[in-house]
């Protein structure tokens, strides 16, 4: 893989496995010089299959990330998602993928998927910022990350997360900094809208990370 090239490569394509639960584990190895503007990022597109019935999962890769699924065949493609600045060096990196029989250890931390960079939510805005739930990725929960312009943690009730369904229907609402951690995503969720109630001239940087089943 090459940082910033947005290329896709096949990592694993296993057929005729003994039907069972298998675990994929990933590692990310940068082979060039690492700088603050050359941090590699990639995601794995996983297709578990049992008797031709497929289940798709998409996860952000970090060393040690593991995903389990029932299958008799599995394919994995790796997609570069690195964010680079103009003129940045095209640094190569490697993604390691292993497949073993068995369930991944339970750590309380699901595999996750990050689809956007941080977004600024204006304290005087009533609309907030909307994060669309990824489709066909196996999303089951979400986590809201937030900090003030100065890097400080906002007041616990300043940040509100609204779960929006089809047609703009409000399915649920949370104070994510009070709830903390992973929040289950209701069925039929289309997007998570993050609001900042801190008042004018008090912006917040926010992002939503998706928890993936497996």
C-alpha atoms as a PDB file:
ATOM      1  CA  UNK A   1       0.000   0.000   0.000  1.00  0.00           C
ATOM      2  CA  UNK A   2       1.084   3.601  -0.591  1.00  0.00           C
ATOM      3  CA  UNK A   3       0.017   6.416   1.702  1.00  0.00           C
ATOM      4  CA  UNK A   4      -2.502   8.746   0.085  1.00  0.00           C
ATOM      5  CA  UNK A   5      -2.968   6.743  -3.124  1.00  0.00           C
ATOM      6  CA  UNK A   6      -6.488   5.543  -2.142  1.00  0.00           C
ATOM      7  CA  UNK A   7      -5.725   2.188  -3.725  1.00  0.00           C
ATOM      8  CA  UNK A   8      -7.452  -1.145  -2.947  1.00  0.00           C
ATOM      9  CA  UNK A   9      -5.660  -4.478  -2.596  1.00  0.00           C
ATOM     10  CA  UNK A  10      -6.896  -8.015  -1.941  1.00  0.00           C
ATOM     11  CA  UNK A  11      -5.494  -9.326   1.326  1.00  0.00           C
ATOM     12  CA  UNK A  12      -7.267 -12.656   1.842  1.00  0.00           C
ATOM     13  CA  UNK A  13      -9.545 -14.748  -0.357  1.00  0.00           C
ATOM     14  CA  UNK A  14     -10.171 -18.098   1.333  1.00  0.00           C
ATOM     15  CA  UNK A  15     -12.653 -20.643  -0.033  1.00  0.00           C
ATOM     16  CA  UNK A  16     -13.857 -24.072   1.115  1.00  0.00           C
ATOM     17  CA  UNK A  17     -13.136 -23.479   4.796  1.00  0.00           C
ATOM     18  CA  UNK A  18     -14.569 -25.789   7.449  1.00  0.00           C
ATOM     19  CA  UNK A  19     -17.776 -23.992   8.533  1.00  0.00           C
ATOM     20  CA  UNK A  20     -16.914 -22.386  11.862  1.00  0.00           C
ATOM     21  CA  UNK A  21     -16.264 -19.080  13.586  1.00  0.00           C
ATOM     22  CA  UNK A  22     -13.041 -17.451  12.383  1.00  0.00           C
ATOM     23  CA  UNK A  23     -11.098 -14.396  13.522  1.00  0.00           C
ATOM     24  CA  UNK A  24      -9.268 -11.925  11.316  1.00  0.00           C
ATOM     25  CA  UNK A  25      -6.497  -9.921  12.969  1.00  0.00           C
ATOM     26  CA  UNK A  26      -4.781  -6.926  11.405  1.00  0.00           C
ATOM     27  CA  UNK A  27      -1.505  -5.118  11.790  1.00  0.00           C
ATOM     28  CA  UNK A  28      -0.252  -1.926  10.180  1.00  0.00           C
ATOM     29  CA  UNK A  29       3.447  -1.484   9.476  1.00  0.00           C
ATOM     30  CA  UNK A  30       4.915   1.717   8.050  1.00  0.00           C
ATOM     31  CA  UNK A  31       8.009   0.946   5.998  1.00  0.00           C
ATOM     32  CA  UNK A  32       9.027   4.546   5.179  1.00  0.00           C
ATOM     33  CA  UNK A  33       9.928   7.528   7.345  1.00  0.00           C
ATOM     34  CA  UNK A  34       7.095   8.527   9.688  1.00  0.00           C
ATOM     35  CA  UNK A  35       6.243  12.208  10.085  1.00  0.00           C
ATOM     36  CA  UNK A  36       3.278  14.118  11.500  1.00  0.00           C
ATOM     37  CA  UNK A  37       1.923  14.531   7.956  1.00  0.00           C
ATOM     38  CA  UNK A  38       2.522  10.950   6.816  1.00  0.00           C
ATOM     39  CA  UNK A  39       0.524   8.729   9.166  1.00  0.00           C
ATOM     40  CA  UNK A  40      -0.993   5.818   7.227  1.00  0.00           C
ATOM     41  CA  UNK A  41      -4.654   4.937   7.594  1.00  0.00           C
ATOM     42  CA  UNK A  42      -6.541   2.060   5.997  1.00  0.00           C
ATOM     43  CA  UNK A  43      -9.766   0.132   6.325  1.00  0.00           C
ATOM     44  CA  UNK A  44     -10.616  -3.513   5.752  1.00  0.00           C
ATOM     45  CA  UNK A  45     -13.675  -4.522   3.721  1.00  0.00           C
ATOM     46  CA  UNK A  46     -14.620  -7.996   4.945  1.00  0.00           C
ATOM     47  CA  UNK A  47     -17.093 -10.346   3.300  1.00  0.00           C
ATOM     48  CA  UNK A  48     -17.975 -13.369   5.443  1.00  0.00           C
ATOM     49  CA  UNK A  49     -19.956 -16.022   3.567  1.00  0.00           C
ATOM     50  CA  UNK A  50     -21.906 -19.087   4.714  1.00  0.00           C
ATOM     51  CA  UNK A  51     -23.446 -21.209   1.945  1.00  0.00           C
ATOM     52  CA  UNK A  52     -23.386 -18.179  -0.352  1.00  0.00           C
ATOM     53  CA  UNK A  53     -25.068 -15.845   2.142  1.00  0.00           C
ATOM     54  CA  UNK A  54     -22.753 -12.878   2.719  1.00  0.00           C
ATOM     55  CA  UNK A  55     -22.304 -10.507   5.622  1.00  0.00           C
ATOM     56  CA  UNK A  56     -20.183  -7.392   5.073  1.00  0.00           C
ATOM     57  CA  UNK A  57     -18.108  -5.613   7.705  1.00  0.00           C
ATOM     58  CA  UNK A  58     -15.894  -2.539   7.322  1.00  0.00           C
ATOM     59  CA  UNK A  59     -13.365  -1.665  10.030  1.00  0.00           C
ATOM     60  CA  UNK A  60     -10.588   0.870  10.457  1.00  0.00           C
ATOM     61  CA  UNK A  61      -7.256  -0.926  10.724  1.00  0.00           C
ATOM     62  CA  UNK A  62      -4.915  -0.536  13.672  1.00  0.00           C
ATOM     63  CA  UNK A  63      -2.393  -3.012  15.006  1.00  0.00           C
ATOM     64  CA  UNK A  64      -4.220  -5.656  17.025  1.00  0.00           C
ATOM     65  CA  UNK A  65      -7.699  -4.997  15.610  1.00  0.00           C
ATOM     66  CA  UNK A  66      -9.603  -8.284  15.385  1.00  0.00           C
ATOM     67  CA  UNK A  67     -12.992  -9.232  13.910  1.00  0.00           C
ATOM     68  CA  UNK A  68     -14.830 -12.557  14.225  1.00  0.00           C
ATOM     69  CA  UNK A  69     -17.500 -14.081  12.011  1.00  0.00           C
ATOM     70  CA  UNK A  70     -19.135 -17.354  11.040  1.00  0.00           C
ATOM     71  CA  UNK A  71     -18.162 -18.481   7.541  1.00  0.00           C
ATOM     72  CA  UNK A  72     -17.130 -21.167   5.109  1.00  0.00           C
ATOM     73  CA  UNK A  73     -15.368 -18.580   2.941  1.00  0.00           C
ATOM     74  CA  UNK A  74     -14.053 -15.069   3.488  1.00  0.00           C
ATOM     75  CA  UNK A  75     -12.510 -12.313   1.411  1.00  0.00           C
ATOM     76  CA  UNK A  76     -10.754  -9.187   2.646  1.00  0.00           C
ATOM     77  CA  UNK A  77      -9.823  -6.086   0.681  1.00  0.00           C
ATOM     78  CA  UNK A  78      -7.684  -3.291   2.105  1.00  0.00           C
ATOM     79  CA  UNK A  79      -8.418   0.308   1.117  1.00  0.00           C
ATOM     80  CA  UNK A  80      -6.051   3.211   1.766  1.00  0.00           C
ATOM     81  CA  UNK A  81      -7.847   6.056   3.581  1.00  0.00           C
ATOM     82  CA  UNK A  82      -4.809   8.153   4.507  1.00  0.00           C
ATOM     83  CA  UNK A  83      -5.234  11.919   4.587  1.00  0.00           C
ATOM     84  CA  UNK A  84      -2.251  13.722   3.084  1.00  0.00           C
ATOM     85  CA  UNK A  85      -1.240  17.297   2.446  1.00  0.00           C
ATOM     86  CA  UNK A  86      -0.389  18.606  -1.013  1.00  0.00           C
ATOM     87  CA  UNK A  87       3.108  17.590  -2.030  1.00  0.00           C
ATOM     88  CA  UNK A  88       3.409  14.947   0.703  1.00  0.00           C
ATOM     89  CA  UNK A  89       5.772  12.059   0.026  1.00  0.00           C
ATOM     90  CA  UNK A  90       4.134   8.824  -1.216  1.00  0.00           C
ATOM     91  CA  UNK A  91       5.373   6.598   1.601  1.00  0.00           C
ATOM     92  CA  UNK A  92       4.768   2.828   1.361  1.00  0.00           C
ATOM     93  CA  UNK A  93       3.284   0.834   4.217  1.00  0.00           C
ATOM     94  CA  UNK A  94       2.137  -2.733   4.765  1.00  0.00           C
ATOM     95  CA  UNK A  95      -1.025  -4.228   6.239  1.00  0.00           C
ATOM     96  CA  UNK A  96      -0.717  -7.686   7.762  1.00  0.00           C
ATOM     97  CA  UNK A  97      -3.797  -9.937   7.892  1.00  0.00           C
ATOM     98  CA  UNK A  98      -4.080 -13.303   9.641  1.00  0.00           C
ATOM     99  CA  UNK A  99      -7.028 -15.715   9.726  1.00  0.00           C
ATOM    100  CA  UNK A 100      -7.454 -18.243  12.546  1.00  0.00           C
ATOM    101  CA  UNK A 101     -10.268 -20.483  13.707  1.00  0.00           C
ATOM    102  CA  UNK A 102     -11.988 -19.306  16.877  1.00  0.00           C
ATOM    103  CA  UNK A 103     -13.594 -16.221  18.441  1.00  0.00           C
ATOM    104  CA  UNK A 104     -11.638 -13.057  19.207  1.00  0.00           C
ATOM    105  CA  UNK A 105     -11.011 -12.359  22.919  1.00  0.00           C
ATOM    106  CA  UNK A 106     -13.723 -10.215  24.512  1.00  0.00           C
ATOM    107  CA  UNK A 107     -12.189  -6.862  25.468  1.00  0.00           C
ATOM    108  CA  UNK A 108     -15.291  -4.684  25.756  1.00  0.00           C
ATOM    109  CA  UNK A 109     -13.932  -2.715  22.796  1.00  0.00           C
ATOM    110  CA  UNK A 110     -15.588  -3.552  19.463  1.00  0.00           C
ATOM    111  CA  UNK A 111     -13.822  -3.171  16.125  1.00  0.00           C
ATOM    112  CA  UNK A 112     -14.462   0.362  14.923  1.00  0.00           C
ATOM    113  CA  UNK A 113     -14.774   2.444  11.770  1.00  0.00           C
ATOM    114  CA  UNK A 114     -13.853   6.115  11.380  1.00  0.00           C
ATOM    115  CA  UNK A 115     -15.323   7.689   8.251  1.00  0.00           C
ATOM    116  CA  UNK A 116     -14.692  11.426   8.682  1.00  0.00           C
ATOM    117  CA  UNK A 117     -12.221  13.882  10.142  1.00  0.00           C
ATOM    118  CA  UNK A 118     -13.215  16.094  13.080  1.00  0.00           C
ATOM    119  CA  UNK A 119     -15.974  18.601  12.354  1.00  0.00           C
ATOM    120  CA  UNK A 120     -16.414  22.031  13.962  1.00  0.00           C
ATOM    121  CA  UNK A 121     -19.804  22.635  15.589  1.00  0.00           C
ATOM    122  CA  UNK A 122     -20.600  26.309  16.114  1.00  0.00           C
ATOM    123  CA  UNK A 123     -21.994  27.022  19.581  1.00  0.00           C
ATOM    124  CA  UNK A 124     -24.540  29.403  18.080  1.00  0.00           C
ATOM    125  CA  UNK A 125     -25.777  26.896  15.483  1.00  0.00           C
ATOM    126  CA  UNK A 126     -29.027  25.027  16.043  1.00  0.00           C
ATOM    127  CA  UNK A 127     -28.493  22.550  13.202  1.00  0.00           C
ATOM    128  CA  UNK A 128     -25.381  20.818  14.448  1.00  0.00           C
ATOM    129  CA  UNK A 129     -23.293  18.459  12.318  1.00  0.00           C
ATOM    130  CA  UNK A 130     -24.721  15.229  10.893  1.00  0.00           C
ATOM    131  CA  UNK A 131     -22.743  11.990  10.565  1.00  0.00           C
ATOM    132  CA  UNK A 132     -24.364   9.427   8.248  1.00  0.00           C
ATOM    133  CA  UNK A 133     -24.408   5.818   9.475  1.00  0.00           C
ATOM    134  CA  UNK A 134     -22.244   3.723   7.100  1.00  0.00           C
ATOM    135  CA  UNK A 135     -24.276   1.312   4.988  1.00  0.00           C
ATOM    136  CA  UNK A 136     -23.523  -2.445   4.886  1.00  0.00           C
ATOM    137  CA  UNK A 137     -20.664  -2.109   7.370  1.00  0.00           C
ATOM    138  CA  UNK A 138     -22.176  -3.925  10.372  1.00  0.00           C
ATOM    139  CA  UNK A 139     -22.549  -0.812  12.544  1.00  0.00           C
ATOM    140  CA  UNK A 140     -24.098  -1.574  15.947  1.00  0.00           C
ATOM    141  CA  UNK A 141     -23.036   1.374  18.136  1.00  0.00           C
ATOM    142  CA  UNK A 142     -21.391   4.786  18.090  1.00  0.00           C
ATOM    143  CA  UNK A 143     -19.122   6.973  20.219  1.00  0.00           C
ATOM    144  CA  UNK A 144     -18.975  10.777  20.173  1.00  0.00           C
ATOM    145  CA  UNK A 145     -15.616  12.493  20.689  1.00  0.00           C
ATOM    146  CA  UNK A 146     -15.606  16.201  21.531  1.00  0.00           C
ATOM    147  CA  UNK A 147     -13.242  18.916  22.688  1.00  0.00           C
ATOM    148  CA  UNK A 148     -13.291  22.705  22.799  1.00  0.00           C
ATOM    149  CA  UNK A 149     -11.254  24.969  20.510  1.00  0.00           C
ATOM    150  CA  UNK A 150      -8.524  25.142  23.143  1.00  0.00           C
ATOM    151  CA  UNK A 151      -8.511  21.371  23.580  1.00  0.00           C
ATOM    152  CA  UNK A 152     -10.477  21.538  26.819  1.00  0.00           C
ATOM    153  CA  UNK A 153     -13.318  19.127  27.535  1.00  0.00           C
ATOM    154  CA  UNK A 154     -16.709  20.827  27.041  1.00  0.00           C
ATOM    155  CA  UNK A 155     -19.266  20.920  29.841  1.00  0.00           C
ATOM    156  CA  UNK A 156     -20.946  17.519  30.033  1.00  0.00           C
ATOM    157  CA  UNK A 157     -24.353  18.841  28.953  1.00  0.00           C
ATOM    158  CA  UNK A 158     -23.081  21.084  26.136  1.00  0.00           C
ATOM    159  CA  UNK A 159     -22.851  18.238  23.612  1.00  0.00           C
ATOM    160  CA  UNK A 160     -26.043  16.444  22.518  1.00  0.00           C
ATOM    161  CA  UNK A 161     -26.242  13.484  20.133  1.00  0.00           C
ATOM    162  CA  UNK A 162     -29.508  12.915  18.278  1.00  0.00           C
ATOM    163  CA  UNK A 163     -30.112   9.642  16.445  1.00  0.00           C
ATOM    164  CA  UNK A 164     -32.144  10.348  13.303  1.00  0.00           C
ATOM    165  CA  UNK A 165     -34.183   7.798  11.346  1.00  0.00           C
ATOM    166  CA  UNK A 166     -35.727   7.816   7.886  1.00  0.00           C
ATOM    167  CA  UNK A 167     -37.684  10.975   7.127  1.00  0.00           C
ATOM    168  CA  UNK A 168     -35.901  12.918   9.854  1.00  0.00           C
ATOM    169  CA  UNK A 169     -37.671  11.093  12.707  1.00  0.00           C
ATOM    170  CA  UNK A 170     -35.903  11.468  16.070  1.00  0.00           C
ATOM    171  CA  UNK A 171     -35.203   7.958  17.390  1.00  0.00           C
ATOM    172  CA  UNK A 172     -33.153   8.813  20.493  1.00  0.00           C
ATOM    173  CA  UNK A 173     -31.111  11.572  22.111  1.00  0.00           C
ATOM    174  CA  UNK A 174     -28.177  11.418  24.509  1.00  0.00           C
ATOM    175  CA  UNK A 175     -25.653  13.495  26.402  1.00  0.00           C
ATOM    176  CA  UNK A 176     -22.725  11.419  25.074  1.00  0.00           C
ATOM    177  CA  UNK A 177     -20.149  12.937  27.437  1.00  0.00           C
ATOM    178  CA  UNK A 178     -22.298  11.794  30.365  1.00  0.00           C
ATOM    179  CA  UNK A 179     -23.228   8.422  28.869  1.00  0.00           C
ATOM    180  CA  UNK A 180     -19.615   7.807  27.879  1.00  0.00           C
ATOM    181  CA  UNK A 181     -18.239   4.988  25.769  1.00  0.00           C
ATOM    182  CA  UNK A 182     -20.226   3.092  23.154  1.00  0.00           C
ATOM    183  CA  UNK A 183     -23.915   3.876  22.685  1.00  0.00           C
ATOM    184  CA  UNK A 184     -26.150   1.222  21.026  1.00  0.00           C
ATOM    185  CA  UNK A 185     -27.534   2.365  17.692  1.00  0.00           C
ATOM    186  CA  UNK A 186     -31.332   1.962  17.418  1.00  0.00           C
ATOM    187  CA  UNK A 187     -32.748  -0.019  14.502  1.00  0.00           C
ATOM    188  CA  UNK A 188     -33.528   2.158  11.501  1.00  0.00           C
ATOM    189  CA  UNK A 189     -30.942   4.815  12.343  1.00  0.00           C
ATOM    190  CA  UNK A 190     -29.850   6.893   9.355  1.00  0.00           C
ATOM    191  CA  UNK A 191     -27.555   9.480  10.959  1.00  0.00           C
ATOM    192  CA  UNK A 192     -26.228  10.870  14.241  1.00  0.00           C
ATOM    193  CA  UNK A 193     -26.488  14.647  14.576  1.00  0.00           C
ATOM    194  CA  UNK A 194     -24.202  16.308  17.139  1.00  0.00           C
ATOM    195  CA  UNK A 195     -25.327  19.617  18.649  1.00  0.00           C
ATOM    196  CA  UNK A 196     -23.292  22.127  20.652  1.00  0.00           C
ATOM    197  CA  UNK A 197     -25.283  24.022  23.300  1.00  0.00           C
ATOM    198  CA  UNK A 198     -22.331  25.921  24.740  1.00  0.00           C
ATOM    199  CA  UNK A 199     -23.491  29.279  23.358  1.00  0.00           C
ATOM    200  CA  UNK A 200     -22.141  31.721  20.792  1.00  0.00           C
ATOM    201  CA  UNK A 201     -18.389  31.902  20.121  1.00  0.00           C
ATOM    202  CA  UNK A 202     -17.824  28.577  21.891  1.00  0.00           C
ATOM    203  CA  UNK A 203     -17.062  26.097  19.151  1.00  0.00           C
ATOM    204  CA  UNK A 204     -16.363  22.407  19.602  1.00  0.00           C
ATOM    205  CA  UNK A 205     -14.465  19.879  17.498  1.00  0.00           C
ATOM    206  CA  UNK A 206     -16.485  16.661  17.274  1.00  0.00           C
ATOM    207  CA  UNK A 207     -16.360  13.312  15.550  1.00  0.00           C
ATOM    208  CA  UNK A 208     -18.345  10.076  15.590  1.00  0.00           C
ATOM    209  CA  UNK A 209     -16.704   6.657  15.607  1.00  0.00           C
ATOM    210  CA  UNK A 210     -18.796   3.618  14.652  1.00  0.00           C
ATOM    211  CA  UNK A 211     -18.673   0.339  16.565  1.00  0.00           C
ATOM    212  CA  UNK A 212     -18.765  -2.712  14.279  1.00  0.00           C
ATOM    213  CA  UNK A 213     -20.343  -6.061  15.115  1.00  0.00           C
ATOM    214  CA  UNK A 214     -17.786  -8.830  15.345  1.00  0.00           C
END
